[in-house]
Amino acid sequence: PKDTCPVVEREKLDLILVPGLCFDSRGSRLGQGGGYYDRYLPRCRNAVALGVAFEAQRVDKAAVDAYDEKLDGFVTEGGLYLGFDTTEL
């Protein structure tokens, strides 16, 4: 809500939680198709971008295109996935 939450400058963000339909262990994400996060994330150079999902949304390989931004990892109820490594919570 714009009238109750202060606007934070992109340079001051250190973590961005990203929703999605599915994620893979390489940091690829399939979203809703609007490209909002794909355009916004490259402008937030100081922030770590983590997808938030359920374990059921984890796939072997997400169907992504060249313009889809990769995330630094994602977290589910089953673990934290960073790149190719898996760390159980």
N, C-alpha and C. Protein backbone atom coordinates (compact mmCIF):
# COMPACT_ATOMS: atom_id res chain seq x y z
N PRO A 1 0.84 -1.21 0.00
CA PRO A 1 0.00 0.00 0.00
C PRO A 1 0.86 1.25 0.00
N LYS A 2 0.69 2.06 -1.02
CA LYS A 2 1.54 3.24 -1.19
C LYS A 2 1.40 4.25 -0.07
N ASP A 3 0.20 4.40 0.51
CA ASP A 3 0.01 5.44 1.51
C ASP A 3 0.45 5.02 2.91
N THR A 4 0.77 3.77 3.14
CA THR A 4 1.18 3.35 4.49
C THR A 4 2.60 2.82 4.54
N CYS A 5 3.23 2.55 3.41
CA CYS A 5 4.59 1.99 3.38
C CYS A 5 5.54 2.99 2.74
N PRO A 6 6.68 3.24 3.39
CA PRO A 6 7.65 4.15 2.77
C PRO A 6 8.30 3.49 1.56
N VAL A 7 8.67 4.29 0.59
CA VAL A 7 9.38 3.80 -0.58
C VAL A 7 10.85 3.66 -0.22
N VAL A 8 11.44 2.51 -0.54
CA VAL A 8 12.86 2.26 -0.27
C VAL A 8 13.61 2.34 -1.59
N GLU A 9 14.71 3.07 -1.60
CA GLU A 9 15.51 3.19 -2.81
C GLU A 9 16.12 1.84 -3.18
N ARG A 10 16.21 1.54 -4.47
CA ARG A 10 16.75 0.26 -4.94
C ARG A 10 18.14 -0.02 -4.37
N GLU A 11 18.98 1.00 -4.26
CA GLU A 11 20.35 0.83 -3.79
C GLU A 11 20.41 0.38 -2.33
N LYS A 12 19.34 0.60 -1.57
CA LYS A 12 19.32 0.24 -0.15
C LYS A 12 18.72 -1.14 0.10
N LEU A 13 18.20 -1.78 -0.94
CA LEU A 13 17.63 -3.12 -0.77
C LEU A 13 18.76 -4.13 -0.65
N ASP A 14 18.64 -5.07 0.31
CA ASP A 14 19.64 -6.13 0.41
C ASP A 14 19.04 -7.52 0.18
N LEU A 15 17.72 -7.62 0.15
CA LEU A 15 17.06 -8.89 -0.10
C LEU A 15 15.74 -8.64 -0.83
N ILE A 16 15.52 -9.40 -1.89
CA ILE A 16 14.26 -9.34 -2.62
C ILE A 16 13.69 -10.75 -2.66
N LEU A 17 12.49 -10.92 -2.15
CA LEU A 17 11.80 -12.21 -2.20
C LEU A 17 10.93 -12.22 -3.44
N VAL A 18 11.11 -13.24 -4.28
CA VAL A 18 10.48 -13.27 -5.60
C VAL A 18 9.51 -14.45 -5.69
N PRO A 19 8.26 -14.19 -6.03
CA PRO A 19 7.31 -15.29 -6.22
C PRO A 19 7.51 -15.93 -7.60
N GLY A 20 6.92 -17.09 -7.79
CA GLY A 20 7.01 -17.74 -9.08
C GLY A 20 6.14 -18.98 -9.12
N LEU A 21 5.96 -19.50 -10.32
CA LEU A 21 5.18 -20.73 -10.49
C LEU A 21 6.05 -21.96 -10.26
N CYS A 22 7.32 -21.89 -10.71
CA CYS A 22 8.25 -22.99 -10.46
C CYS A 22 9.68 -22.46 -10.50
N PHE A 23 10.59 -23.23 -9.89
CA PHE A 23 11.99 -22.87 -9.78
C PHE A 23 12.82 -24.12 -10.03
N ASP A 24 14.07 -23.92 -10.52
CA ASP A 24 14.97 -25.06 -10.61
C ASP A 24 16.25 -24.75 -9.84
N SER A 25 17.09 -25.75 -9.66
CA SER A 25 18.28 -25.61 -8.83
C SER A 25 19.33 -24.68 -9.43
N ARG A 26 19.18 -24.29 -10.68
CA ARG A 26 20.11 -23.35 -11.31
C ARG A 26 19.71 -21.89 -11.08
N GLY A 27 18.63 -21.67 -10.36
CA GLY A 27 18.17 -20.31 -10.10
C GLY A 27 17.21 -19.78 -11.13
N SER A 28 16.78 -20.63 -12.05
CA SER A 28 15.80 -20.20 -13.05
C SER A 28 14.41 -20.24 -12.47
N ARG A 29 13.57 -19.32 -12.92
CA ARG A 29 12.23 -19.16 -12.37
C ARG A 29 11.23 -18.94 -13.49
N LEU A 30 10.10 -19.56 -13.36
CA LEU A 30 9.00 -19.31 -14.28
C LEU A 30 7.97 -18.49 -13.52
N GLY A 31 7.69 -17.29 -14.03
CA GLY A 31 6.74 -16.39 -13.36
C GLY A 31 5.39 -16.38 -14.05
N GLN A 32 4.71 -15.26 -13.95
CA GLN A 32 3.37 -15.12 -14.52
C GLN A 32 3.39 -14.61 -15.96
N GLY A 33 4.58 -14.29 -16.49
CA GLY A 33 4.66 -13.88 -17.88
C GLY A 33 4.67 -12.38 -18.13
N GLY A 34 4.65 -11.57 -17.08
CA GLY A 34 4.65 -10.12 -17.27
C GLY A 34 6.03 -9.51 -17.37
N GLY A 35 7.06 -10.21 -16.90
CA GLY A 35 8.42 -9.71 -16.98
C GLY A 35 8.77 -8.64 -15.96
N TYR A 36 7.91 -8.40 -14.96
CA TYR A 36 8.18 -7.35 -13.98
C TYR A 36 9.51 -7.57 -13.26
N TYR A 37 9.70 -8.76 -12.69
CA TYR A 37 10.93 -9.03 -11.94
C TYR A 37 12.14 -9.09 -12.87
N ASP A 38 11.95 -9.57 -14.09
CA ASP A 38 13.06 -9.62 -15.05
C ASP A 38 13.57 -8.23 -15.39
N ARG A 39 12.73 -7.24 -15.36
CA ARG A 39 13.14 -5.86 -15.62
C ARG A 39 13.66 -5.18 -14.35
N TYR A 40 13.11 -5.54 -13.19
CA TYR A 40 13.45 -4.85 -11.94
C TYR A 40 14.75 -5.37 -11.31
N LEU A 41 14.95 -6.67 -11.30
CA LEU A 41 16.10 -7.26 -10.59
C LEU A 41 17.46 -6.74 -11.06
N PRO A 42 17.71 -6.57 -12.35
CA PRO A 42 19.03 -6.07 -12.76
C PRO A 42 19.35 -4.68 -12.22
N ARG A 43 18.34 -3.92 -11.86
CA ARG A 43 18.56 -2.57 -11.33
C ARG A 43 18.83 -2.58 -9.84
N CYS A 44 18.72 -3.72 -9.19
CA CYS A 44 18.95 -3.84 -7.74
C CYS A 44 20.25 -4.59 -7.51
N ARG A 45 21.35 -3.95 -7.80
CA ARG A 45 22.66 -4.60 -7.79
C ARG A 45 23.13 -5.05 -6.41
N ASN A 46 22.67 -4.43 -5.34
CA ASN A 46 23.13 -4.77 -4.00
C ASN A 46 22.28 -5.84 -3.32
N ALA A 47 21.22 -6.25 -3.95
CA ALA A 47 20.26 -7.16 -3.31
C ALA A 47 20.47 -8.60 -3.74
N VAL A 48 20.24 -9.50 -2.79
CA VAL A 48 20.17 -10.93 -3.07
C VAL A 48 18.72 -11.22 -3.44
N ALA A 49 18.51 -11.95 -4.55
CA ALA A 49 17.16 -12.27 -4.99
C ALA A 49 16.90 -13.76 -4.74
N LEU A 50 15.94 -14.03 -3.84
CA LEU A 50 15.58 -15.40 -3.51
C LEU A 50 14.13 -15.66 -3.88
N GLY A 51 13.91 -16.76 -4.58
CA GLY A 51 12.56 -17.19 -4.87
C GLY A 51 11.96 -17.84 -3.63
N VAL A 52 10.68 -17.68 -3.45
CA VAL A 52 9.97 -18.28 -2.33
C VAL A 52 8.91 -19.20 -2.91
N ALA A 53 8.96 -20.48 -2.51
CA ALA A 53 8.06 -21.45 -3.13
C ALA A 53 7.82 -22.62 -2.18
N PHE A 54 6.92 -23.49 -2.57
CA PHE A 54 6.73 -24.76 -1.90
C PHE A 54 7.62 -25.79 -2.61
N GLU A 55 7.99 -26.83 -1.91
CA GLU A 55 8.82 -27.88 -2.48
C GLU A 55 8.18 -28.46 -3.75
N ALA A 56 6.86 -28.50 -3.80
CA ALA A 56 6.15 -29.02 -4.97
C ALA A 56 6.36 -28.17 -6.21
N GLN A 57 6.84 -26.93 -6.05
CA GLN A 57 7.09 -26.04 -7.18
C GLN A 57 8.50 -26.17 -7.73
N ARG A 58 9.29 -27.01 -7.12
CA ARG A 58 10.66 -27.24 -7.57
C ARG A 58 10.65 -28.22 -8.74
N VAL A 59 11.31 -27.85 -9.83
CA VAL A 59 11.34 -28.69 -11.04
C VAL A 59 12.79 -28.95 -11.44
N ASP A 60 12.98 -29.96 -12.28
CA ASP A 60 14.34 -30.27 -12.77
C ASP A 60 14.88 -29.14 -13.64
N LYS A 61 14.04 -28.61 -14.53
CA LYS A 61 14.47 -27.53 -15.41
C LYS A 61 13.27 -26.65 -15.75
N ALA A 62 13.36 -25.39 -15.35
CA ALA A 62 12.28 -24.43 -15.64
C ALA A 62 12.38 -24.01 -17.11
N ALA A 63 11.24 -23.85 -17.75
CA ALA A 63 11.19 -23.43 -19.16
C ALA A 63 11.35 -21.92 -19.22
N VAL A 64 12.58 -21.47 -19.37
CA VAL A 64 12.86 -20.04 -19.38
C VAL A 64 13.43 -19.62 -20.73
N ASP A 65 13.40 -18.30 -20.96
CA ASP A 65 13.96 -17.71 -22.17
C ASP A 65 15.22 -16.93 -21.82
N ALA A 66 15.91 -16.44 -22.83
CA ALA A 66 17.16 -15.72 -22.63
C ALA A 66 16.98 -14.44 -21.82
N TYR A 67 15.82 -13.81 -21.88
CA TYR A 67 15.60 -12.55 -21.15
C TYR A 67 15.15 -12.77 -19.71
N ASP A 68 14.93 -14.01 -19.28
CA ASP A 68 14.53 -14.30 -17.90
C ASP A 68 15.73 -14.20 -16.97
N GLU A 69 15.60 -13.41 -15.92
CA GLU A 69 16.67 -13.22 -14.95
C GLU A 69 16.78 -14.42 -14.02
N LYS A 70 18.02 -14.84 -13.75
CA LYS A 70 18.25 -15.91 -12.78
C LYS A 70 18.24 -15.31 -11.38
N LEU A 71 17.84 -16.14 -10.43
CA LEU A 71 17.86 -15.73 -9.03
C LEU A 71 19.11 -16.27 -8.37
N ASP A 72 19.42 -15.74 -7.20
CA ASP A 72 20.56 -16.24 -6.44
C ASP A 72 20.25 -17.59 -5.80
N GLY A 73 19.01 -17.92 -5.69
CA GLY A 73 18.58 -19.19 -5.12
C GLY A 73 17.10 -19.13 -4.81
N PHE A 74 16.61 -20.16 -4.11
CA PHE A 74 15.24 -20.12 -3.65
C PHE A 74 15.10 -20.95 -2.39
N VAL A 75 14.05 -20.66 -1.66
CA VAL A 75 13.81 -21.33 -0.39
C VAL A 75 12.42 -21.95 -0.40
N THR A 76 12.35 -23.16 0.15
CA THR A 76 11.07 -23.86 0.31
C THR A 76 11.00 -24.37 1.74
N GLU A 77 9.91 -25.04 2.06
CA GLU A 77 9.81 -25.65 3.39
C GLU A 77 10.83 -26.79 3.56
N GLY A 78 11.43 -27.25 2.46
CA GLY A 78 12.37 -28.36 2.52
C GLY A 78 13.83 -27.97 2.47
N GLY A 79 14.13 -26.73 2.12
CA GLY A 79 15.54 -26.37 2.06
C GLY A 79 15.80 -25.03 1.40
N LEU A 80 17.06 -24.68 1.41
CA LEU A 80 17.55 -23.47 0.77
C LEU A 80 18.41 -23.93 -0.40
N TYR A 81 18.11 -23.48 -1.60
CA TYR A 81 18.79 -23.92 -2.81
C TYR A 81 19.54 -22.74 -3.40
N LEU A 82 20.88 -22.84 -3.43
CA LEU A 82 21.71 -21.77 -3.95
C LEU A 82 22.55 -22.32 -5.09
N GLY A 83 22.33 -21.85 -6.29
CA GLY A 83 23.05 -22.37 -7.44
C GLY A 83 22.82 -23.87 -7.60
N PHE A 84 23.89 -24.64 -7.64
CA PHE A 84 23.76 -26.08 -7.76
C PHE A 84 23.79 -26.78 -6.40
N ASP A 85 24.05 -26.03 -5.34
CA ASP A 85 24.14 -26.63 -4.01
C ASP A 85 22.78 -26.65 -3.33
N THR A 86 22.56 -27.62 -2.49
CA THR A 86 21.35 -27.73 -1.71
C THR A 86 21.72 -27.77 -0.24
N THR A 87 21.08 -26.93 0.53
CA THR A 87 21.28 -26.94 1.97
C THR A 87 19.94 -27.20 2.62
N GLU A 88 19.82 -28.28 3.35
CA GLU A 88 18.56 -28.57 4.03
C GLU A 88 18.41 -27.66 5.23
N LEU A 89 17.19 -27.20 5.47
CA LEU A 89 16.92 -26.35 6.64
C LEU A 89 16.80 -27.19 7.89
